[in-house]
């Protein structure tokens, strides 16, 4: 689809669905810029929210002759009526939409956006759109897809990225494509035309999130790096991070380790585990490596200790910072 848009090979109908909204918005932007010039936006670009506007209004607009240009772009966002859980109060004439899909206006690029994980495949309109439209399934990337996307992204700036650089970027930012795209632009400017982005540069320039600091804390704890673990903890406290929130994030990370270990023992592949837990494949890969350091019984004991610490903090039996610090020290075995 992207190649066709770049070449100017356009379809009168597009269906964009999935949870990777960055991919959807970027594709819409490319489509608009290919179809219209900037001075045509006011006359030939219309955007509607399906939660607020009946689809018949968008169809009427799509059937209007373009003004001061050869094409019109009509975008319908939040098309919840394509899912099995339409909570909007707007009545949509899907029969009218079905008729339009079967006979679209060639001078109009009609885009329907459903930023949801799944569509209701039982619905006639979903079947029609999938068979008569150009479809973008903006699902979260697999490990391979993320690698390919990153390589293509850096190539746009005339730079390269190493394997370690890619992995470090994903470790720091997860699968947040908006943040990754912004950081790649910054990294590319730093290394310059023809430069190479490696893990050292990524570590130096990319800002860590609190979740990433917690991930580092857990990694240091797991590998019994006592000094580093306590240093990360004290740094987080200096940054005024709330101990109860840190405890909750630690609980989440240890829970992921337990779930990954349990599913691995059941014979699940890393890709299947990522799908089941709704995690990025690289996160699962790292968690698999970390989980090898413990058996399920030990991980469950950590979760029990976190729950007990949380209870003591919230009932005033122990200071929140001290409670978290004592838990970390116990896990480290100091």
C-alpha atoms as a PDB file:
ATOM      1  CA  UNK A   1       0.000   0.000   0.000  1.00  0.00           C
ATOM      2  CA  UNK A   2       2.722   2.470   1.001  1.00  0.00           C
ATOM      3  CA  UNK A   3       4.559   1.947  -2.302  1.00  0.00           C
ATOM      4  CA  UNK A   4       1.374   2.482  -4.321  1.00  0.00           C
ATOM      5  CA  UNK A   5       0.583   5.689  -2.446  1.00  0.00           C
ATOM      6  CA  UNK A   6       4.118   6.925  -3.087  1.00  0.00           C
ATOM      7  CA  UNK A   7       3.702   6.165  -6.803  1.00  0.00           C
ATOM      8  CA  UNK A   8       0.309   7.878  -6.892  1.00  0.00           C
ATOM      9  CA  UNK A   9      -1.587   4.615  -7.497  1.00  0.00           C
ATOM     10  CA  UNK A  10      -4.663   5.351  -5.422  1.00  0.00           C
ATOM     11  CA  UNK A  11      -7.814   3.485  -4.458  1.00  0.00           C
ATOM     12  CA  UNK A  12     -11.226   5.124  -3.968  1.00  0.00           C
ATOM     13  CA  UNK A  13     -11.624   3.140  -0.726  1.00  0.00           C
ATOM     14  CA  UNK A  14      -9.295   2.549   2.228  1.00  0.00           C
ATOM     15  CA  UNK A  15      -9.861   0.706   5.480  1.00  0.00           C
ATOM     16  CA  UNK A  16      -7.344   1.317   8.267  1.00  0.00           C
ATOM     17  CA  UNK A  17      -7.770  -0.664  11.471  1.00  0.00           C
ATOM     18  CA  UNK A  18      -5.619  -1.847  14.390  1.00  0.00           C
ATOM     19  CA  UNK A  19      -4.109  -0.394  17.544  1.00  0.00           C
ATOM     20  CA  UNK A  20      -0.894   1.069  16.076  1.00  0.00           C
ATOM     21  CA  UNK A  21      -2.393   4.524  15.588  1.00  0.00           C
ATOM     22  CA  UNK A  22       0.985   6.003  14.643  1.00  0.00           C
ATOM     23  CA  UNK A  23       1.049   3.858  11.479  1.00  0.00           C
ATOM     24  CA  UNK A  24      -2.544   4.821  10.685  1.00  0.00           C
ATOM     25  CA  UNK A  25      -1.986   8.556  11.137  1.00  0.00           C
ATOM     26  CA  UNK A  26       1.263   8.478   9.174  1.00  0.00           C
ATOM     27  CA  UNK A  27      -0.428   6.658   6.272  1.00  0.00           C
ATOM     28  CA  UNK A  28      -3.337   9.125   6.284  1.00  0.00           C
ATOM     29  CA  UNK A  29      -0.840  11.994   6.181  1.00  0.00           C
ATOM     30  CA  UNK A  30       0.963  10.465   3.190  1.00  0.00           C
ATOM     31  CA  UNK A  31      -2.335   9.843   1.417  1.00  0.00           C
ATOM     32  CA  UNK A  32      -3.586  13.393   1.884  1.00  0.00           C
ATOM     33  CA  UNK A  33      -0.291  14.884   0.700  1.00  0.00           C
ATOM     34  CA  UNK A  34      -0.318  12.696  -2.397  1.00  0.00           C
ATOM     35  CA  UNK A  35      -3.926  13.511  -3.335  1.00  0.00           C
ATOM     36  CA  UNK A  36      -4.178  17.195  -2.412  1.00  0.00           C
ATOM     37  CA  UNK A  37      -2.025  20.279  -2.438  1.00  0.00           C
ATOM     38  CA  UNK A  38      -2.025  22.332   0.760  1.00  0.00           C
ATOM     39  CA  UNK A  39      -4.214  25.055  -0.716  1.00  0.00           C
ATOM     40  CA  UNK A  40      -6.890  22.437  -1.539  1.00  0.00           C
ATOM     41  CA  UNK A  41      -7.340  21.274   2.068  1.00  0.00           C
ATOM     42  CA  UNK A  42     -10.100  23.757   2.898  1.00  0.00           C
ATOM     43  CA  UNK A  43     -12.165  22.770  -0.152  1.00  0.00           C
ATOM     44  CA  UNK A  44     -11.523  19.054  -0.657  1.00  0.00           C
ATOM     45  CA  UNK A  45     -10.584  17.544   2.703  1.00  0.00           C
ATOM     46  CA  UNK A  46     -13.286  16.488   5.148  1.00  0.00           C
ATOM     47  CA  UNK A  47     -12.881  14.555   8.408  1.00  0.00           C
ATOM     48  CA  UNK A  48     -15.725  13.119  10.481  1.00  0.00           C
ATOM     49  CA  UNK A  49     -15.936  11.334  13.831  1.00  0.00           C
ATOM     50  CA  UNK A  50     -18.290   8.361  13.486  1.00  0.00           C
ATOM     51  CA  UNK A  51     -19.109   8.639  17.195  1.00  0.00           C
ATOM     52  CA  UNK A  52     -20.636  12.057  16.513  1.00  0.00           C
ATOM     53  CA  UNK A  53     -21.699  12.107  12.848  1.00  0.00           C
ATOM     54  CA  UNK A  54     -23.854   9.641  10.861  1.00  0.00           C
ATOM     55  CA  UNK A  55     -22.006   7.860   8.049  1.00  0.00           C
ATOM     56  CA  UNK A  56     -24.592   9.212   5.588  1.00  0.00           C
ATOM     57  CA  UNK A  57     -23.120  12.713   6.050  1.00  0.00           C
ATOM     58  CA  UNK A  58     -19.674  11.481   5.046  1.00  0.00           C
ATOM     59  CA  UNK A  59     -21.101   9.598   2.063  1.00  0.00           C
ATOM     60  CA  UNK A  60     -22.938  12.712   0.879  1.00  0.00           C
ATOM     61  CA  UNK A  61     -19.658  14.644   1.084  1.00  0.00           C
ATOM     62  CA  UNK A  62     -17.864  11.864  -0.823  1.00  0.00           C
ATOM     63  CA  UNK A  63     -20.423  12.149  -3.630  1.00  0.00           C
ATOM     64  CA  UNK A  64     -19.837  15.912  -3.982  1.00  0.00           C
ATOM     65  CA  UNK A  65     -17.762  17.030  -6.978  1.00  0.00           C
ATOM     66  CA  UNK A  66     -14.262  18.233  -5.952  1.00  0.00           C
ATOM     67  CA  UNK A  67     -13.823  22.023  -5.949  1.00  0.00           C
ATOM     68  CA  UNK A  68     -10.684  23.565  -7.446  1.00  0.00           C
ATOM     69  CA  UNK A  69      -9.042  20.163  -7.819  1.00  0.00           C
ATOM     70  CA  UNK A  70      -9.387  16.723  -9.349  1.00  0.00           C
ATOM     71  CA  UNK A  71      -9.943  14.730  -6.132  1.00  0.00           C
ATOM     72  CA  UNK A  72     -11.582  14.932  -2.739  1.00  0.00           C
ATOM     73  CA  UNK A  73     -10.515  13.146   0.479  1.00  0.00           C
ATOM     74  CA  UNK A  74     -13.124  12.084   3.027  1.00  0.00           C
ATOM     75  CA  UNK A  75     -11.975  10.503   6.293  1.00  0.00           C
ATOM     76  CA  UNK A  76     -14.258   8.767   8.788  1.00  0.00           C
ATOM     77  CA  UNK A  77     -12.556   8.182  12.145  1.00  0.00           C
ATOM     78  CA  UNK A  78     -13.515   6.054  15.169  1.00  0.00           C
ATOM     79  CA  UNK A  79     -15.665   3.700  13.075  1.00  0.00           C
ATOM     80  CA  UNK A  80     -16.821   1.709  16.066  1.00  0.00           C
ATOM     81  CA  UNK A  81     -19.777   0.412  14.054  1.00  0.00           C
ATOM     82  CA  UNK A  82     -17.341  -2.044  12.439  1.00  0.00           C
ATOM     83  CA  UNK A  83     -16.728  -3.738  15.784  1.00  0.00           C
ATOM     84  CA  UNK A  84     -18.970  -5.846  17.961  1.00  0.00           C
ATOM     85  CA  UNK A  85     -19.069  -3.142  20.653  1.00  0.00           C
ATOM     86  CA  UNK A  86     -20.504   0.034  19.174  1.00  0.00           C
ATOM     87  CA  UNK A  87     -21.172   2.250  22.181  1.00  0.00           C
ATOM     88  CA  UNK A  88     -21.871   5.427  20.227  1.00  0.00           C
ATOM     89  CA  UNK A  89     -25.389   6.849  20.211  1.00  0.00           C
ATOM     90  CA  UNK A  90     -25.247   7.778  16.528  1.00  0.00           C
ATOM     91  CA  UNK A  91     -27.458   5.857  14.098  1.00  0.00           C
ATOM     92  CA  UNK A  92     -25.542   4.755  10.988  1.00  0.00           C
ATOM     93  CA  UNK A  93     -27.237   3.693   7.756  1.00  0.00           C
ATOM     94  CA  UNK A  94     -24.970   0.748   6.949  1.00  0.00           C
ATOM     95  CA  UNK A  95     -27.071  -0.174   3.909  1.00  0.00           C
ATOM     96  CA  UNK A  96     -26.148   3.183   2.385  1.00  0.00           C
ATOM     97  CA  UNK A  97     -22.483   2.540   3.185  1.00  0.00           C
ATOM     98  CA  UNK A  98     -22.690  -0.946   1.661  1.00  0.00           C
ATOM     99  CA  UNK A  99     -24.090   0.563  -1.538  1.00  0.00           C
ATOM    100  CA  UNK A 100     -21.298   3.144  -1.652  1.00  0.00           C
ATOM    101  CA  UNK A 101     -18.606   0.498  -1.122  1.00  0.00           C
ATOM    102  CA  UNK A 102     -19.947  -1.430  -4.115  1.00  0.00           C
ATOM    103  CA  UNK A 103     -20.014   1.717  -6.264  1.00  0.00           C
ATOM    104  CA  UNK A 104     -17.538   4.320  -4.936  1.00  0.00           C
ATOM    105  CA  UNK A 105     -16.904   7.704  -6.528  1.00  0.00           C
ATOM    106  CA  UNK A 106     -13.627   7.563  -8.451  1.00  0.00           C
ATOM    107  CA  UNK A 107     -12.796  11.236  -7.773  1.00  0.00           C
ATOM    108  CA  UNK A 108     -13.016  10.684  -3.992  1.00  0.00           C
ATOM    109  CA  UNK A 109     -10.552   8.921  -1.713  1.00  0.00           C
ATOM    110  CA  UNK A 110     -12.780   7.596   1.063  1.00  0.00           C
ATOM    111  CA  UNK A 111     -10.951   6.446   4.205  1.00  0.00           C
ATOM    112  CA  UNK A 112     -12.535   4.582   7.108  1.00  0.00           C
ATOM    113  CA  UNK A 113     -10.479   4.359  10.298  1.00  0.00           C
ATOM    114  CA  UNK A 114     -11.221   1.828  13.054  1.00  0.00           C
ATOM    115  CA  UNK A 115      -8.375   2.022  15.620  1.00  0.00           C
ATOM    116  CA  UNK A 116      -9.387  -1.185  17.357  1.00  0.00           C
ATOM    117  CA  UNK A 117      -7.729  -4.564  17.778  1.00  0.00           C
ATOM    118  CA  UNK A 118     -10.506  -6.517  16.075  1.00  0.00           C
ATOM    119  CA  UNK A 119     -13.402  -5.910  13.716  1.00  0.00           C
ATOM    120  CA  UNK A 120     -16.608  -7.926  13.733  1.00  0.00           C
ATOM    121  CA  UNK A 121     -15.968 -10.278  10.823  1.00  0.00           C
ATOM    122  CA  UNK A 122     -19.599 -11.428  10.916  1.00  0.00           C
ATOM    123  CA  UNK A 123     -20.846  -8.060   9.716  1.00  0.00           C
ATOM    124  CA  UNK A 124     -21.596  -7.694   6.020  1.00  0.00           C
ATOM    125  CA  UNK A 125     -20.071  -4.208   5.877  1.00  0.00           C
ATOM    126  CA  UNK A 126     -16.772  -5.493   7.306  1.00  0.00           C
ATOM    127  CA  UNK A 127     -16.626  -8.243   4.692  1.00  0.00           C
ATOM    128  CA  UNK A 128     -17.435  -5.767   1.910  1.00  0.00           C
ATOM    129  CA  UNK A 129     -14.821  -3.253   3.046  1.00  0.00           C
ATOM    130  CA  UNK A 130     -12.127  -5.897   3.331  1.00  0.00           C
ATOM    131  CA  UNK A 131     -12.847  -7.225  -0.152  1.00  0.00           C
ATOM    132  CA  UNK A 132     -13.351  -3.879  -1.939  1.00  0.00           C
ATOM    133  CA  UNK A 133     -10.843  -1.597  -0.148  1.00  0.00           C
ATOM    134  CA  UNK A 134      -7.140  -1.180   0.280  1.00  0.00           C
ATOM    135  CA  UNK A 135      -6.675  -2.485   3.822  1.00  0.00           C
ATOM    136  CA  UNK A 136      -4.061  -1.525   6.408  1.00  0.00           C
ATOM    137  CA  UNK A 137      -3.956  -3.856   9.418  1.00  0.00           C
ATOM    138  CA  UNK A 138      -2.034  -1.723  11.911  1.00  0.00           C
ATOM    139  CA  UNK A 139      -1.351  -4.485  14.413  1.00  0.00           C
ATOM    140  CA  UNK A 140       1.610  -4.301  16.842  1.00  0.00           C
ATOM    141  CA  UNK A 141       4.850  -5.296  15.157  1.00  0.00           C
ATOM    142  CA  UNK A 142       6.460  -8.674  15.537  1.00  0.00           C
ATOM    143  CA  UNK A 143      10.175  -8.750  16.368  1.00  0.00           C
ATOM    144  CA  UNK A 144      11.052  -9.051  12.666  1.00  0.00           C
ATOM    145  CA  UNK A 145       8.624  -6.321  11.613  1.00  0.00           C
ATOM    146  CA  UNK A 146       9.997  -3.927  14.219  1.00  0.00           C
ATOM    147  CA  UNK A 147      13.544  -4.613  12.986  1.00  0.00           C
ATOM    148  CA  UNK A 148      12.514  -3.933   9.385  1.00  0.00           C
ATOM    149  CA  UNK A 149      10.582  -0.770  10.320  1.00  0.00           C
ATOM    150  CA  UNK A 150      13.519   0.615  12.300  1.00  0.00           C
ATOM    151  CA  UNK A 151      15.939  -0.049   9.445  1.00  0.00           C
ATOM    152  CA  UNK A 152      13.634   1.688   6.965  1.00  0.00           C
ATOM    153  CA  UNK A 153      13.102   4.582   9.368  1.00  0.00           C
ATOM    154  CA  UNK A 154      16.800   5.321   9.872  1.00  0.00           C
ATOM    155  CA  UNK A 155      17.447   4.894   6.149  1.00  0.00           C
ATOM    156  CA  UNK A 156      15.190   7.913   5.512  1.00  0.00           C
ATOM    157  CA  UNK A 157      17.724  10.045   7.367  1.00  0.00           C
ATOM    158  CA  UNK A 158      20.736   8.601   5.547  1.00  0.00           C
ATOM    159  CA  UNK A 159      22.080   6.742   8.589  1.00  0.00           C
ATOM    160  CA  UNK A 160      22.297   3.147   9.821  1.00  0.00           C
ATOM    161  CA  UNK A 161      21.536   1.422  13.113  1.00  0.00           C
ATOM    162  CA  UNK A 162      23.300  -1.599  14.567  1.00  0.00           C
ATOM    163  CA  UNK A 163      21.530  -4.685  15.933  1.00  0.00           C
ATOM    164  CA  UNK A 164      22.503  -3.674  19.479  1.00  0.00           C
ATOM    165  CA  UNK A 165      21.276  -0.150  18.781  1.00  0.00           C
ATOM    166  CA  UNK A 166      17.874  -1.465  17.666  1.00  0.00           C
ATOM    167  CA  UNK A 167      17.518  -3.683  20.717  1.00  0.00           C
ATOM    168  CA  UNK A 168      18.549  -0.921  23.104  1.00  0.00           C
ATOM    169  CA  UNK A 169      16.023   1.464  21.544  1.00  0.00           C
ATOM    170  CA  UNK A 170      13.194  -1.052  21.911  1.00  0.00           C
ATOM    171  CA  UNK A 171      14.282  -1.890  25.454  1.00  0.00           C
ATOM    172  CA  UNK A 172      14.124   1.777  26.418  1.00  0.00           C
ATOM    173  CA  UNK A 173      10.913   2.720  24.599  1.00  0.00           C
ATOM    174  CA  UNK A 174       9.043  -0.553  24.115  1.00  0.00           C
ATOM    175  CA  UNK A 175       6.749  -0.524  21.093  1.00  0.00           C
ATOM    176  CA  UNK A 176       5.834   3.171  21.305  1.00  0.00           C
ATOM    177  CA  UNK A 177       6.310   4.056  17.625  1.00  0.00           C
ATOM    178  CA  UNK A 178       5.623   7.753  18.202  1.00  0.00           C
ATOM    179  CA  UNK A 179       8.460   8.031  20.706  1.00  0.00           C
ATOM    180  CA  UNK A 180      10.770   5.789  18.665  1.00  0.00           C
ATOM    181  CA  UNK A 181      10.212   7.866  15.502  1.00  0.00           C
ATOM    182  CA  UNK A 182      11.026  11.053  17.398  1.00  0.00           C
ATOM    183  CA  UNK A 183      14.155   9.586  18.984  1.00  0.00           C
ATOM    184  CA  UNK A 184      15.403   8.243  15.634  1.00  0.00           C
ATOM    185  CA  UNK A 185      15.220  11.758  14.178  1.00  0.00           C
ATOM    186  CA  UNK A 186      17.237  13.070  17.140  1.00  0.00           C
ATOM    187  CA  UNK A 187      19.785  10.234  16.918  1.00  0.00           C
ATOM    188  CA  UNK A 188      20.177  10.711  13.155  1.00  0.00           C
ATOM    189  CA  UNK A 189      20.919  14.408  13.614  1.00  0.00           C
ATOM    190  CA  UNK A 190      23.525  13.501  16.230  1.00  0.00           C
ATOM    191  CA  UNK A 191      25.468  10.957  14.123  1.00  0.00           C
ATOM    192  CA  UNK A 192      25.096  12.959  10.894  1.00  0.00           C
ATOM    193  CA  UNK A 193      24.705  11.844   7.289  1.00  0.00           C
ATOM    194  CA  UNK A 194      26.194   8.364   6.765  1.00  0.00           C
ATOM    195  CA  UNK A 195      26.619   7.835  10.513  1.00  0.00           C
ATOM    196  CA  UNK A 196      25.875   4.735  12.546  1.00  0.00           C
ATOM    197  CA  UNK A 197      23.593   4.584  15.583  1.00  0.00           C
ATOM    198  CA  UNK A 198      24.802   2.001  18.084  1.00  0.00           C
ATOM    199  CA  UNK A 199      23.704   0.999  21.587  1.00  0.00           C
ATOM    200  CA  UNK A 200      26.195   3.362  23.263  1.00  0.00           C
ATOM    201  CA  UNK A 201      24.728   6.376  21.436  1.00  0.00           C
ATOM    202  CA  UNK A 202      21.178   5.221  22.170  1.00  0.00           C
ATOM    203  CA  UNK A 203      21.999   4.823  25.865  1.00  0.00           C
ATOM    204  CA  UNK A 204      23.603   8.272  25.894  1.00  0.00           C
ATOM    205  CA  UNK A 205      20.860  10.237  24.117  1.00  0.00           C
ATOM    206  CA  UNK A 206      17.527   8.487  24.642  1.00  0.00           C
ATOM    207  CA  UNK A 207      15.690   9.531  27.767  1.00  0.00           C
ATOM    208  CA  UNK A 208      14.697   6.669  30.028  1.00  0.00           C
ATOM    209  CA  UNK A 209      11.143   6.293  31.254  1.00  0.00           C
ATOM    210  CA  UNK A 210      10.420   5.389  34.859  1.00  0.00           C
ATOM    211  CA  UNK A 211       9.252   1.965  33.648  1.00  0.00           C
ATOM    212  CA  UNK A 212      12.653   1.454  32.024  1.00  0.00           C
ATOM    213  CA  UNK A 213      14.421   2.407  35.259  1.00  0.00           C
ATOM    214  CA  UNK A 214      12.265  -0.149  37.080  1.00  0.00           C
ATOM    215  CA  UNK A 215      13.152  -2.735  34.426  1.00  0.00           C
ATOM    216  CA  UNK A 216      16.848  -1.941  35.046  1.00  0.00           C
ATOM    217  CA  UNK A 217      16.281  -2.228  38.782  1.00  0.00           C
ATOM    218  CA  UNK A 218      14.720  -5.676  38.376  1.00  0.00           C
ATOM    219  CA  UNK A 219      17.526  -6.746  36.029  1.00  0.00           C
ATOM    220  CA  UNK A 220      20.161  -5.676  38.578  1.00  0.00           C
ATOM    221  CA  UNK A 221      18.258  -7.464  41.348  1.00  0.00           C
ATOM    222  CA  UNK A 222      17.915 -10.652  39.322  1.00  0.00           C
ATOM    223  CA  UNK A 223      21.618 -10.755  38.521  1.00  0.00           C
ATOM    224  CA  UNK A 224      22.539  -9.836  42.133  1.00  0.00           C
ATOM    225  CA  UNK A 225      24.232  -6.589  41.110  1.00  0.00           C
ATOM    226  CA  UNK A 226      23.688  -5.084  44.557  1.00  0.00           C
ATOM    227  CA  UNK A 227      25.466  -1.759  44.123  1.00  0.00           C
ATOM    228  CA  UNK A 228      23.805  -0.984  40.775  1.00  0.00           C
ATOM    229  CA  UNK A 229      20.352  -2.044  42.021  1.00  0.00           C
ATOM    230  CA  UNK A 230      20.498   0.170  45.092  1.00  0.00           C
ATOM    231  CA  UNK A 231      21.913   3.075  43.041  1.00  0.00           C
ATOM    232  CA  UNK A 232      18.951   2.908  40.607  1.00  0.00           C
ATOM    233  CA  UNK A 233      16.580   2.752  43.579  1.00  0.00           C
ATOM    234  CA  UNK A 234      18.133   5.792  45.304  1.00  0.00           C
ATOM    235  CA  UNK A 235      18.155   7.701  41.993  1.00  0.00           C
ATOM    236  CA  UNK A 236      14.422   7.039  41.560  1.00  0.00           C
ATOM    237  CA  UNK A 237      13.753   8.284  45.085  1.00  0.00           C
ATOM    238  CA  UNK A 238      15.828  11.422  44.412  1.00  0.00           C
ATOM    239  CA  UNK A 239      13.656  12.035  41.353  1.00  0.00           C
ATOM    240  CA  UNK A 240      10.659  12.144  43.735  1.00  0.00           C
ATOM    241  CA  UNK A 241       9.153   8.967  42.337  1.00  0.00           C
ATOM    242  CA  UNK A 242       6.351   7.629  44.516  1.00  0.00           C
ATOM    243  CA  UNK A 243       7.489   4.412  46.334  1.00  0.00           C
ATOM    244  CA  UNK A 244       4.011   2.851  46.127  1.00  0.00           C
ATOM    245  CA  UNK A 245       3.995   3.375  42.355  1.00  0.00           C
ATOM    246  CA  UNK A 246       7.496   1.871  42.123  1.00  0.00           C
ATOM    247  CA  UNK A 247       6.310  -1.109  44.145  1.00  0.00           C
ATOM    248  CA  UNK A 248       3.384  -1.585  41.745  1.00  0.00           C
ATOM    249  CA  UNK A 249       5.750  -1.477  38.754  1.00  0.00           C
ATOM    250  CA  UNK A 250       8.055  -4.011  40.429  1.00  0.00           C
ATOM    251  CA  UNK A 251       5.036  -6.247  40.994  1.00  0.00           C
ATOM    252  CA  UNK A 252       4.109  -5.950  37.321  1.00  0.00           C
ATOM    253  CA  UNK A 253       7.633  -6.852  36.208  1.00  0.00           C
ATOM    254  CA  UNK A 254       7.884  -9.886  38.497  1.00  0.00           C
ATOM    255  CA  UNK A 255       4.388 -10.947  37.389  1.00  0.00           C
ATOM    256  CA  UNK A 256       5.537 -10.801  33.755  1.00  0.00           C
ATOM    257  CA  UNK A 257       8.554 -12.970  34.631  1.00  0.00           C
ATOM    258  CA  UNK A 258       6.295 -15.514  36.311  1.00  0.00           C
ATOM    259  CA  UNK A 259       3.804 -15.582  33.426  1.00  0.00           C
ATOM    260  CA  UNK A 260       6.559 -15.862  30.806  1.00  0.00           C
ATOM    261  CA  UNK A 261       8.218 -18.710  32.719  1.00  0.00           C
ATOM    262  CA  UNK A 262       4.916 -20.535  33.172  1.00  0.00           C
ATOM    263  CA  UNK A 263       3.950 -20.235  29.482  1.00  0.00           C
ATOM    264  CA  UNK A 264       7.452 -21.216  28.370  1.00  0.00           C
ATOM    265  CA  UNK A 265       7.193 -24.374  30.467  1.00  0.00           C
ATOM    266  CA  UNK A 266       3.894 -25.139  28.738  1.00  0.00           C
ATOM    267  CA  UNK A 267       5.654 -25.038  25.376  1.00  0.00           C
ATOM    268  CA  UNK A 268       4.529 -21.623  24.144  1.00  0.00           C
ATOM    269  CA  UNK A 269       6.842 -19.842  21.691  1.00  0.00           C
ATOM    270  CA  UNK A 270       8.028 -16.316  22.506  1.00  0.00           C
ATOM    271  CA  UNK A 271       5.783 -14.969  19.734  1.00  0.00           C
ATOM    272  CA  UNK A 272       2.741 -16.758  21.201  1.00  0.00           C
ATOM    273  CA  UNK A 273       3.614 -15.522  24.681  1.00  0.00           C
ATOM    274  CA  UNK A 274       3.851 -11.963  23.360  1.00  0.00           C
ATOM    275  CA  UNK A 275       0.380 -12.304  21.855  1.00  0.00           C
ATOM    276  CA  UNK A 276      -1.135 -13.880  24.956  1.00  0.00           C
ATOM    277  CA  UNK A 277       0.305 -11.264  27.337  1.00  0.00           C
ATOM    278  CA  UNK A 278      -0.013  -8.347  24.872  1.00  0.00           C
ATOM    279  CA  UNK A 279       3.690  -7.520  25.177  1.00  0.00           C
ATOM    280  CA  UNK A 280       6.285  -6.606  22.583  1.00  0.00           C
ATOM    281  CA  UNK A 281       8.259  -9.703  21.442  1.00  0.00           C
ATOM    282  CA  UNK A 282      11.546  -8.138  22.516  1.00  0.00           C
ATOM    283  CA  UNK A 283      10.183  -7.548  26.027  1.00  0.00           C
ATOM    284  CA  UNK A 284       9.248 -11.238  26.152  1.00  0.00           C
ATOM    285  CA  UNK A 285      12.713 -12.177  24.918  1.00  0.00           C
ATOM    286  CA  UNK A 286      14.348 -10.217  27.757  1.00  0.00           C
ATOM    287  CA  UNK A 287      11.869 -11.540  30.321  1.00  0.00           C
ATOM    288  CA  UNK A 288      12.592 -15.112  29.179  1.00  0.00           C
ATOM    289  CA  UNK A 289      16.283 -14.564  29.836  1.00  0.00           C
ATOM    290  CA  UNK A 290      15.601 -13.001  33.243  1.00  0.00           C
ATOM    291  CA  UNK A 291      13.112 -15.670  34.293  1.00  0.00           C
ATOM    292  CA  UNK A 292      15.754 -18.381  33.912  1.00  0.00           C
ATOM    293  CA  UNK A 293      17.380 -17.085  37.101  1.00  0.00           C
ATOM    294  CA  UNK A 294      14.405 -18.182  39.246  1.00  0.00           C
ATOM    295  CA  UNK A 295      11.937 -21.010  39.647  1.00  0.00           C
ATOM    296  CA  UNK A 296       8.209 -20.334  39.795  1.00  0.00           C
ATOM    297  CA  UNK A 297       8.134 -20.783  43.587  1.00  0.00           C
ATOM    298  CA  UNK A 298      10.694 -18.016  44.132  1.00  0.00           C
ATOM    299  CA  UNK A 299       8.890 -15.607  41.781  1.00  0.00           C
ATOM    300  CA  UNK A 300       5.599 -16.256  43.578  1.00  0.00           C
ATOM    301  CA  UNK A 301       7.307 -15.602  46.922  1.00  0.00           C
ATOM    302  CA  UNK A 302       8.499 -12.216  45.591  1.00  0.00           C
ATOM    303  CA  UNK A 303       4.944 -11.354  44.541  1.00  0.00           C
ATOM    304  CA  UNK A 304       3.670 -12.374  47.987  1.00  0.00           C
ATOM    305  CA  UNK A 305       6.313 -10.166  49.627  1.00  0.00           C
ATOM    306  CA  UNK A 306       5.352  -7.230  47.441  1.00  0.00           C
ATOM    307  CA  UNK A 307       1.701  -7.693  48.411  1.00  0.00           C
ATOM    308  CA  UNK A 308       2.652  -7.870  52.101  1.00  0.00           C
ATOM    309  CA  UNK A 309       4.847  -4.762  51.794  1.00  0.00           C
ATOM    310  CA  UNK A 310       2.061  -2.894  50.015  1.00  0.00           C
ATOM    311  CA  UNK A 311      -0.359  -3.827  52.813  1.00  0.00           C
ATOM    312  CA  UNK A 312       2.039  -2.669  55.541  1.00  0.00           C
ATOM    313  CA  UNK A 313       2.658   0.648  53.768  1.00  0.00           C
ATOM    314  CA  UNK A 314      -1.021   1.379  53.184  1.00  0.00           C
ATOM    315  CA  UNK A 315      -1.988   0.474  56.774  1.00  0.00           C
ATOM    316  CA  UNK A 316       0.756   2.688  58.203  1.00  0.00           C
ATOM    317  CA  UNK A 317       2.766  -0.180  59.707  1.00  0.00           C
ATOM    318  CA  UNK A 318       5.916   0.865  57.847  1.00  0.00           C
ATOM    319  CA  UNK A 319       7.252   3.938  56.077  1.00  0.00           C
ATOM    320  CA  UNK A 320       6.720   3.592  52.325  1.00  0.00           C
ATOM    321  CA  UNK A 321      10.319   4.307  51.293  1.00  0.00           C
ATOM    322  CA  UNK A 322      11.730   2.056  54.005  1.00  0.00           C
ATOM    323  CA  UNK A 323       9.299  -0.721  53.122  1.00  0.00           C
ATOM    324  CA  UNK A 324      10.334  -0.664  49.456  1.00  0.00           C
ATOM    325  CA  UNK A 325      14.028  -0.485  50.352  1.00  0.00           C
ATOM    326  CA  UNK A 326      13.765  -3.457  52.728  1.00  0.00           C
ATOM    327  CA  UNK A 327      11.980  -5.499  50.061  1.00  0.00           C
ATOM    328  CA  UNK A 328      14.737  -4.796  47.513  1.00  0.00           C
ATOM    329  CA  UNK A 329      17.425  -5.679  50.076  1.00  0.00           C
ATOM    330  CA  UNK A 330      15.664  -8.953  50.937  1.00  0.00           C
ATOM    331  CA  UNK A 331      15.409  -9.926  47.266  1.00  0.00           C
ATOM    332  CA  UNK A 332      19.077  -9.048  46.750  1.00  0.00           C
ATOM    333  CA  UNK A 333      19.980 -11.177  49.721  1.00  0.00           C
ATOM    334  CA  UNK A 334      22.171  -8.415  51.153  1.00  0.00           C
END
